C-alpha atoms as a PDB file:
ATOM      1  CA  MET A   1       0.000   0.000   0.000  1.00  0.00           C
ATOM      2  CA  GLN A   2       1.201   3.510  -0.799  1.00  0.00           C
ATOM      3  CA  ILE A   3      -0.097   6.903   0.367  1.00  0.00           C
ATOM      4  CA  SER A   4       0.883  10.483  -0.388  1.00  0.00           C
ATOM      5  CA  VAL A   5       1.250  13.114   2.341  1.00  0.00           C
ATOM      6  CA  ASN A   6       2.297  16.647   1.389  1.00  0.00           C
ATOM      7  CA  GLY A   7       3.603  15.376  -1.936  1.00  0.00           C
ATOM      8  CA  ILE A   8       5.754  12.640  -0.367  1.00  0.00           C
ATOM      9  CA  GLU A   9       5.015   9.001  -1.212  1.00  0.00           C
ATOM     10  CA  TYR A  10       5.045   6.549   1.732  1.00  0.00           C
ATOM     11  CA  VAL A  11       5.110   2.771   1.420  1.00  0.00           C
ATOM     12  CA  GLU A  12       3.839   0.393   4.100  1.00  0.00           C
ATOM     13  CA  LYS A  13       6.858  -0.899   6.036  1.00  0.00           C
ATOM     14  CA  ALA A  14       5.712  -4.531   5.875  1.00  0.00           C
ATOM     15  CA  SER A  15       5.895  -4.406   2.066  1.00  0.00           C
ATOM     16  CA  ILE A  16       9.595  -3.454   1.992  1.00  0.00           C
ATOM     17  CA  ASP A  17      12.378  -6.042   1.989  1.00  0.00           C
ATOM     18  CA  GLU A  18      14.760  -4.907   4.716  1.00  0.00           C
ATOM     19  CA  LYS A  19      17.514  -7.381   3.957  1.00  0.00           C
ATOM     20  CA  TYR A  20      20.862  -5.867   4.957  1.00  0.00           C
ATOM     21  CA  VAL A  21      23.556  -6.210   2.294  1.00  0.00           C
ATOM     22  CA  ILE A  22      26.975  -5.021   1.223  1.00  0.00           C
ATOM     23  CA  VAL A  23      27.007  -3.709  -2.335  1.00  0.00           C
ATOM     24  CA  ARG A  24      30.016  -3.019  -4.541  1.00  0.00           C
ATOM     25  CA  ALA A  25      29.310  -0.579  -7.353  1.00  0.00           C
ATOM     26  CA  ASP A  26      31.652  -0.300 -10.322  1.00  0.00           C
ATOM     27  CA  ARG A  27      32.499   3.386  -9.831  1.00  0.00           C
ATOM     28  CA  ALA A  28      30.784   4.412  -6.598  1.00  0.00           C
ATOM     29  CA  GLY A  29      32.555   2.093  -4.156  1.00  0.00           C
ATOM     30  CA  VAL A  30      31.180  -0.099  -1.383  1.00  0.00           C
ATOM     31  CA  PHE A  31      28.017   0.459   0.654  1.00  0.00           C
ATOM     32  CA  ALA A  32      26.245  -1.389   3.467  1.00  0.00           C
ATOM     33  CA  GLY A  33      22.510  -0.894   3.870  1.00  0.00           C
ATOM     34  CA  GLU A  34      18.981  -2.219   3.644  1.00  0.00           C
ATOM     35  CA  LEU A  35      18.132  -3.522   0.181  1.00  0.00           C
ATOM     36  CA  VAL A  36      15.004  -1.788  -1.121  1.00  0.00           C
ATOM     37  CA  SER A  37      15.119  -2.909  -4.751  1.00  0.00           C
ATOM     38  CA  ARG A  38      17.281  -4.279  -7.540  1.00  0.00           C
ATOM     39  CA  GLU A  39      16.732  -4.066 -11.276  1.00  0.00           C
ATOM     40  CA  GLY A  40      19.637  -5.374 -13.311  1.00  0.00           C
ATOM     41  CA  ASP A  41      22.736  -3.540 -12.100  1.00  0.00           C
ATOM     42  CA  VAL A  42      20.761  -0.762 -10.364  1.00  0.00           C
ATOM     43  CA  VAL A  43      20.251  -1.123  -6.613  1.00  0.00           C
ATOM     44  CA  VAL A  44      18.408   1.098  -4.152  1.00  0.00           C
ATOM     45  CA  LEU A  45      19.547   1.003  -0.525  1.00  0.00           C
ATOM     46  CA  ARG A  46      18.067   2.613   2.553  1.00  0.00           C
ATOM     47  CA  ASN A  47      20.029   3.672   5.671  1.00  0.00           C
ATOM     48  CA  ALA A  48      23.233   3.071   3.738  1.00  0.00           C
ATOM     49  CA  ARG A  49      26.793   3.789   4.776  1.00  0.00           C
ATOM     50  CA  ARG A  50      29.714   4.017   2.387  1.00  0.00           C
ATOM     51  CA  ALA A  51      32.548   1.715   3.446  1.00  0.00           C
ATOM     52  CA  TRP A  52      35.300   4.107   2.434  1.00  0.00           C
ATOM     53  CA  TYR A  53      38.002   2.183   4.315  1.00  0.00           C
ATOM     54  CA  TRP A  54      37.878  -0.847   6.576  1.00  0.00           C
ATOM     55  CA  GLU A  55      40.200  -2.834   8.810  1.00  0.00           C
ATOM     56  CA  GLY A  56      39.564  -5.940  10.842  1.00  0.00           C
ATOM     57  CA  ALA A  57      38.234  -7.972   7.909  1.00  0.00           C
ATOM     58  CA  ALA A  58      40.358  -9.457   5.136  1.00  0.00           C
ATOM     59  CA  SER A  59      37.686  -8.957   2.471  1.00  0.00           C
ATOM     60  CA  LEU A  60      34.124  -7.812   1.925  1.00  0.00           C
ATOM     61  CA  SER A  61      33.076 -11.432   2.288  1.00  0.00           C
ATOM     62  CA  GLN A  62      34.538 -11.590   5.788  1.00  0.00           C
ATOM     63  CA  LEU A  63      33.062  -8.170   6.616  1.00  0.00           C
ATOM     64  CA  ALA A  64      29.626  -9.473   5.555  1.00  0.00           C
ATOM     65  CA  MET A  65      29.934 -12.693   7.561  1.00  0.00           C
ATOM     66  CA  GLU A  66      31.758 -11.544  10.705  1.00  0.00           C
ATOM     67  CA  GLY A  67      31.871  -7.755  10.697  1.00  0.00           C
ATOM     68  CA  THR A  68      35.013  -5.839  11.575  1.00  0.00           C
ATOM     69  CA  LYS A  69      37.378  -6.646  14.414  1.00  0.00           C
ATOM     70  CA  SER A  70      38.631  -3.011  14.339  1.00  0.00           C
ATOM     71  CA  PRO A  71      35.588  -0.709  14.208  1.00  0.00           C
ATOM     72  CA  ASP A  72      37.569   2.313  15.445  1.00  0.00           C
ATOM     73  CA  LYS A  73      39.963   2.046  12.497  1.00  0.00           C
ATOM     74  CA  CYS A  74      37.222   1.926   9.828  1.00  0.00           C
ATOM     75  CA  LYS A  75      36.127   4.990   7.888  1.00  0.00           C
ATOM     76  CA  PHE A  76      32.366   4.787   7.333  1.00  0.00           C
ATOM     77  CA  PRO A  77      30.693   8.203   6.932  1.00  0.00           C
ATOM     78  CA  CYS A  78      27.182   8.952   8.178  1.00  0.00           C
ATOM     79  CA  PRO A  79      24.308   6.934   6.711  1.00  0.00           C
ATOM     80  CA  VAL A  80      22.139   8.353   3.945  1.00  0.00           C
ATOM     81  CA  SER A  81      18.414   7.728   4.011  1.00  0.00           C
ATOM     82  CA  VAL A  82      18.250   6.438   0.406  1.00  0.00           C
ATOM     83  CA  ILE A  83      20.815   5.943  -2.338  1.00  0.00           C
ATOM     84  CA  THR A  84      20.504   4.599  -5.890  1.00  0.00           C
ATOM     85  CA  LEU A  85      23.621   2.819  -7.105  1.00  0.00           C
ATOM     86  CA  PHE A  86      24.310   2.161 -10.781  1.00  0.00           C
ATOM     87  CA  GLY A  87      26.760  -0.390 -12.134  1.00  0.00           C
ATOM     88  CA  VAL A  88      26.458  -2.762  -9.192  1.00  0.00           C
ATOM     89  CA  ILE A  89      28.807  -5.710  -9.606  1.00  0.00           C
ATOM     90  CA  GLU A  90      28.433  -7.485  -6.255  1.00  0.00           C
ATOM     91  CA  ILE A  91      25.750  -7.931  -3.574  1.00  0.00           C
ATOM     92  CA  ILE A  92      26.583  -9.863  -0.392  1.00  0.00           C
ATOM     93  CA  ASN A  93      24.023 -10.762   2.289  1.00  0.00           C
ATOM     94  CA  VAL A  94      25.136  -9.666   5.756  1.00  0.00           C
ATOM     95  CA  THR A  95      24.686 -11.727   8.919  1.00  0.00           C
ATOM     96  CA  PRO A  96      22.953 -10.119  11.916  1.00  0.00           C
ATOM     97  CA  ALA A  97      26.241 -10.147  13.873  1.00  0.00           C
ATOM     98  CA  ALA A  98      28.113  -8.462  11.019  1.00  0.00           C
ATOM     99  CA  ARG A  99      25.337  -5.876  10.660  1.00  0.00           C
ATOM    100  CA  ALA A 100      25.649  -5.008  14.357  1.00  0.00           C
ATOM    101  CA  SER A 101      29.415  -4.676  13.913  1.00  0.00           C
ATOM    102  CA  ILE A 102      29.089  -2.447  10.833  1.00  0.00           C
ATOM    103  CA  GLU A 103      26.507  -0.258  12.556  1.00  0.00           C
ATOM    104  CA  SER A 104      28.824   0.065  15.583  1.00  0.00           C
ATOM    105  CA  VAL A 105      31.540   1.748  13.511  1.00  0.00           C
ATOM    106  CA  PRO A 106      31.758   5.397  14.619  1.00  0.00           C
ATOM    107  CA  VAL A 107      30.744   7.954  11.995  1.00  0.00           C
ATOM    108  CA  TRP A 108      33.877   9.115  10.191  1.00  0.00           C
ATOM    109  CA  GLU A 109      33.904  12.806   9.408  1.00  0.00           C
ATOM    110  CA  VAL A 110      36.398  15.495   8.608  1.00  0.00           C
ATOM    111  CA  SER A 111      37.369  17.449  11.693  1.00  0.00           C
ATOM    112  CA  GLU A 112      37.893  21.179  11.545  1.00  0.00           C
END
């Protein structure tokens, strides 16, 4: 079901697949977030963080299965509410433990 309020479309939460994934896009990098949709190589994520740099996992596969052993050394900026990624070349399902680890990484930001 979908409704419009003040020109904004809202979708019933129960109708959205909230599977948490890691996505590698050809030119945009790596993101972790809730999979909203996928059509070909175009993916929409919600509550997504860019994995700009990570430590404590040898690969994205290990990050997706186990999370990071060094959350304070990772550089994951703040989450964005929705992002559309083009040229997606890899989607990896994330375990609940790895999701908790990824979400525990402090927000990386440029200090003044």
